[in-house]
C-alpha atoms as a PDB file:
ATOM      1  CA  UNK A   1      36.119 232.268-146.679  1.00  0.00           C
ATOM      2  CA  UNK A   2      38.965 234.778-146.722  1.00  0.00           C
ATOM      3  CA  UNK A   3      40.705 236.303-149.728  1.00  0.00           C
ATOM      4  CA  UNK A   4      43.952 234.679-148.572  1.00  0.00           C
ATOM      5  CA  UNK A   5      42.412 231.191-148.552  1.00  0.00           C
ATOM      6  CA  UNK A   6      41.268 231.644-152.159  1.00  0.00           C
ATOM      7  CA  UNK A   7      44.746 232.473-153.450  1.00  0.00           C
ATOM      8  CA  UNK A   8      46.771 229.452-152.331  1.00  0.00           C
ATOM      9  CA  UNK A   9      50.515 229.578-151.887  1.00  0.00           C
ATOM     10  CA  UNK A  10      52.501 230.554-153.841  1.00  0.00           C
ATOM     11  CA  UNK A  11      50.353 232.758-156.030  1.00  0.00           C
ATOM     12  CA  UNK A  12      51.533 233.383-159.604  1.00  0.00           C
ATOM     13  CA  UNK A  13      52.460 236.958-160.546  1.00  0.00           C
ATOM     14  CA  UNK A  14      50.585 238.471-163.485  1.00  0.00           C
ATOM     15  CA  UNK A  15      52.098 241.949-163.081  1.00  0.00           C
ATOM     16  CA  UNK A  16      51.130 245.596-162.857  1.00  0.00           C
ATOM     17  CA  UNK A  17      48.837 247.415-165.300  1.00  0.00           C
ATOM     18  CA  UNK A  18      48.787 247.024-168.223  1.00  0.00           C
ATOM     19  CA  UNK A  19      48.295 243.375-167.245  1.00  0.00           C
ATOM     20  CA  UNK A  20      49.744 240.445-169.223  1.00  0.00           C
ATOM     21  CA  UNK A  21      46.447 238.686-169.893  1.00  0.00           C
ATOM     22  CA  UNK A  22      48.248 235.759-171.542  1.00  0.00           C
ATOM     23  CA  UNK A  23      49.044 234.542-167.998  1.00  0.00           C
ATOM     24  CA  UNK A  24      45.385 234.126-166.985  1.00  0.00           C
ATOM     25  CA  UNK A  25      42.292 232.492-168.482  1.00  0.00           C
ATOM     26  CA  UNK A  26      38.595 233.260-168.119  1.00  0.00           C
ATOM     27  CA  UNK A  27      37.193 232.444-164.710  1.00  0.00           C
ATOM     28  CA  UNK A  28      40.481 232.413-162.805  1.00  0.00           C
ATOM     29  CA  UNK A  29      40.683 233.900-159.330  1.00  0.00           C
ATOM     30  CA  UNK A  30      43.073 236.846-159.072  1.00  0.00           C
ATOM     31  CA  UNK A  31      44.191 238.931-156.127  1.00  0.00           C
ATOM     32  CA  UNK A  32      46.171 242.062-155.482  1.00  0.00           C
ATOM     33  CA  UNK A  33      48.752 240.583-153.110  1.00  0.00           C
ATOM     34  CA  UNK A  34      50.579 237.262-153.204  1.00  0.00           C
ATOM     35  CA  UNK A  35      50.432 236.020-149.604  1.00  0.00           C
ATOM     36  CA  UNK A  36      47.865 238.184-147.812  1.00  0.00           C
ATOM     37  CA  UNK A  37      45.502 239.621-150.404  1.00  0.00           C
ATOM     38  CA  UNK A  38      43.003 242.137-149.163  1.00  0.00           C
ATOM     39  CA  UNK A  39      40.857 241.649-152.211  1.00  0.00           C
ATOM     40  CA  UNK A  40      40.144 239.008-154.855  1.00  0.00           C
ATOM     41  CA  UNK A  41      38.191 239.021-158.109  1.00  0.00           C
ATOM     42  CA  UNK A  42      37.410 236.788-161.093  1.00  0.00           C
ATOM     43  CA  UNK A  43      38.929 237.426-164.510  1.00  0.00           C
ATOM     44  CA  UNK A  44      36.078 237.841-167.024  1.00  0.00           C
ATOM     45  CA  UNK A  45      38.050 238.683-170.167  1.00  0.00           C
ATOM     46  CA  UNK A  46      40.346 241.304-171.609  1.00  0.00           C
ATOM     47  CA  UNK A  47      37.792 242.294-174.243  1.00  0.00           C
ATOM     48  CA  UNK A  48      35.721 243.792-171.464  1.00  0.00           C
ATOM     49  CA  UNK A  49      36.468 247.419-170.625  1.00  0.00           C
ATOM     50  CA  UNK A  50      36.792 246.159-167.059  1.00  0.00           C
ATOM     51  CA  UNK A  51      38.332 242.663-167.038  1.00  0.00           C
ATOM     52  CA  UNK A  52      37.592 241.706-163.411  1.00  0.00           C
ATOM     53  CA  UNK A  53      34.382 241.230-161.426  1.00  0.00           C
ATOM     54  CA  UNK A  54      34.066 241.066-157.659  1.00  0.00           C
ATOM     55  CA  UNK A  55      31.709 241.323-154.716  1.00  0.00           C
ATOM     56  CA  UNK A  56      32.990 243.086-151.635  1.00  0.00           C
ATOM     57  CA  UNK A  57      31.213 241.456-148.722  1.00  0.00           C
ATOM     58  CA  UNK A  58      27.765 239.933-148.798  1.00  0.00           C
ATOM     59  CA  UNK A  59      26.390 242.708-146.579  1.00  0.00           C
ATOM     60  CA  UNK A  60      27.713 245.862-144.980  1.00  0.00           C
ATOM     61  CA  UNK A  61      27.174 246.784-141.329  1.00  0.00           C
ATOM     62  CA  UNK A  62      23.775 248.293-142.176  1.00  0.00           C
ATOM     63  CA  UNK A  63      22.573 245.137-143.925  1.00  0.00           C
ATOM     64  CA  UNK A  64      22.928 246.535-147.458  1.00  0.00           C
ATOM     65  CA  UNK A  65      23.517 243.664-149.899  1.00  0.00           C
ATOM     66  CA  UNK A  66      26.324 244.340-152.384  1.00  0.00           C
ATOM     67  CA  UNK A  67      25.993 243.403-156.031  1.00  0.00           C
ATOM     68  CA  UNK A  68      28.894 242.323-158.266  1.00  0.00           C
ATOM     69  CA  UNK A  69      30.885 245.145-159.832  1.00  0.00           C
ATOM     70  CA  UNK A  70      33.333 245.330-162.701  1.00  0.00           C
ATOM     71  CA  UNK A  71      36.885 246.491-162.021  1.00  0.00           C
ATOM     72  CA  UNK A  72      39.671 247.715-164.275  1.00  0.00           C
ATOM     73  CA  UNK A  73      42.225 247.336-161.483  1.00  0.00           C
ATOM     74  CA  UNK A  74      42.377 247.454-157.710  1.00  0.00           C
ATOM     75  CA  UNK A  75      43.811 250.757-156.555  1.00  0.00           C
ATOM     76  CA  UNK A  76      46.480 252.393-158.692  1.00  0.00           C
ATOM     77  CA  UNK A  77      49.185 250.235-160.275  1.00  0.00           C
ATOM     78  CA  UNK A  78      48.774 247.333-157.832  1.00  0.00           C
ATOM     79  CA  UNK A  79      50.376 244.089-158.981  1.00  0.00           C
ATOM     80  CA  UNK A  80      47.864 241.326-159.691  1.00  0.00           C
ATOM     81  CA  UNK A  81      48.458 237.655-158.885  1.00  0.00           C
ATOM     82  CA  UNK A  82      46.739 234.527-160.155  1.00  0.00           C
ATOM     83  CA  UNK A  83      45.489 232.003-157.611  1.00  0.00           C
ATOM     84  CA  UNK A  84      47.643 228.905-157.297  1.00  0.00           C
ATOM     85  CA  UNK A  85      44.730 227.110-155.660  1.00  0.00           C
ATOM     86  CA  UNK A  86      41.876 227.568-158.167  1.00  0.00           C
END
């Protein structure tokens, strides 16, 4: 499943850091682009030092299995969008 298919259309803008967490609730899918996100994560709460959790791909080219990681943001000052689908 692709990041784009998880976001739906149109995605709802949350904004750039510092994020307006009143626009999202625990467990919502978020992405860092509205129509063709390269990356998605799950919102796990603003009380966390890192409010998003993700997994890159299940395995890299060498077969290494990735574990979930916490994120503060994706790249610098990227706008975050809430999924319209989930």
